[in-house]
Amino acid sequence: MKKTLLILSLIIPLAACSRTEQGAAVGGLGGAAIGAAVAGDPVKGAIVGGAAGAIAGAVIGHASEAGQCRYRDRNGRVYIARCPDGY
């Protein structure tokens, strides 16, 4: 039950993020888990795997945002909408 609550507390805030941010977060978590599991030193493996996963996830997430721009309204809320022509 504790693991489920921890995972939900990490995943739910991602709903407000862009796909690039979501990809970086998910890639980083996955890379850290895999790196810790397969490396000789779990701490170094988690650090290297997390960094590599975050970079790869951000690149993949950004590629899926083609034609989408981020905007901020007067109240500071960030939203994503179709970019104007030419972007």
Protein backbone atom coordinates (compact mmCIF):
# COMPACT_ATOMS: atom_id res chain seq x y z
CA MET A 1 0.00 0.00 0.00
CA LYS A 2 2.84 2.39 0.84
CA LYS A 3 4.48 1.75 -2.53
CA THR A 4 1.22 2.46 -4.33
CA LEU A 5 0.78 5.77 -2.51
CA LEU A 6 4.37 6.73 -3.25
CA ILE A 7 4.00 5.94 -6.94
CA LEU A 8 0.71 7.85 -7.18
CA SER A 9 2.22 10.85 -5.42
CA LEU A 10 4.97 10.89 -8.04
CA ILE A 11 2.75 10.31 -11.08
CA ILE A 12 -0.27 12.54 -10.41
CA PRO A 13 1.67 15.85 -10.58
CA LEU A 14 2.92 14.85 -14.03
CA ALA A 15 -0.54 15.52 -15.46
CA ALA A 16 0.19 19.26 -15.34
CA CYS A 17 3.52 18.92 -17.14
CA SER A 18 4.30 19.15 -20.84
CA ARG A 19 5.19 15.97 -22.70
CA THR A 20 8.87 16.94 -22.58
CA GLU A 21 8.73 17.26 -18.80
CA GLN A 22 6.73 14.05 -18.46
CA GLY A 23 9.20 12.19 -20.66
CA ALA A 24 12.15 13.48 -18.66
CA ALA A 25 10.57 12.50 -15.34
CA VAL A 26 9.49 9.04 -16.44
CA GLY A 27 12.76 8.41 -18.26
CA GLY A 28 14.77 9.52 -15.26
CA LEU A 29 12.86 7.31 -12.85
CA GLY A 30 13.04 4.32 -15.16
CA GLY A 31 16.71 4.85 -15.93
CA ALA A 32 17.56 5.16 -12.24
CA ALA A 33 15.71 1.95 -11.43
CA ILE A 34 17.38 0.02 -14.23
CA GLY A 35 20.80 1.50 -13.51
CA ALA A 36 20.57 0.59 -9.83
CA ALA A 37 19.49 -2.95 -10.67
CA VAL A 38 22.17 -3.81 -13.25
CA ALA A 39 25.21 -1.82 -12.15
CA GLY A 40 27.89 -3.13 -9.83
CA ASP A 41 27.46 -0.03 -7.63
CA PRO A 42 23.73 0.68 -7.26
CA VAL A 43 24.19 4.35 -6.35
CA LYS A 44 26.42 5.16 -9.32
CA GLY A 45 24.18 3.06 -11.56
CA ALA A 46 21.09 4.97 -10.41
CA ILE A 47 22.78 8.33 -11.01
CA VAL A 48 24.06 7.46 -14.48
CA GLY A 49 20.88 5.61 -15.48
CA GLY A 50 18.68 8.42 -14.17
CA ALA A 51 20.60 11.08 -16.08
CA ALA A 52 20.60 9.08 -19.30
CA GLY A 53 16.92 8.22 -18.92
CA ALA A 54 15.96 11.83 -18.25
CA ILE A 55 17.78 13.07 -21.35
CA ALA A 56 16.32 10.35 -23.55
CA GLY A 57 12.84 10.87 -22.12
CA ALA A 58 13.01 14.63 -22.68
CA VAL A 59 14.09 14.16 -26.30
CA ILE A 60 11.31 11.66 -26.97
CA GLY A 61 8.74 13.82 -25.18
CA HIS A 62 9.79 16.92 -27.11
CA ALA A 63 9.48 15.09 -30.41
CA SER A 64 5.84 14.32 -29.62
CA GLU A 65 5.04 18.03 -29.09
CA ALA A 66 5.44 19.07 -32.73
CA GLY A 67 3.27 22.09 -33.45
CA GLN A 68 2.57 22.73 -29.76
CA CYS A 69 3.70 25.85 -27.86
CA ARG A 70 3.68 26.68 -24.17
CA TYR A 71 1.91 29.84 -23.04
CA ARG A 72 1.51 31.56 -19.68
CA ASP A 73 -1.61 33.57 -18.84
CA ARG A 74 -1.86 36.65 -16.60
CA ASN A 75 -2.30 34.49 -13.51
CA GLY A 76 0.89 32.57 -14.19
CA ARG A 77 -0.81 29.35 -15.32
CA VAL A 78 1.01 27.51 -18.07
CA TYR A 79 -0.93 25.86 -20.86
CA ILE A 80 -0.13 24.21 -24.17
CA ALA A 81 -1.87 25.08 -27.41
CA ARG A 82 -1.25 24.92 -31.12
CA CYS A 83 1.55 27.22 -32.24
CA PRO A 84 0.88 30.06 -34.66
CA ASP A 85 1.77 29.30 -38.28
CA GLY A 86 5.49 29.49 -38.95
CA TYR A 87 6.69 27.91 -35.69
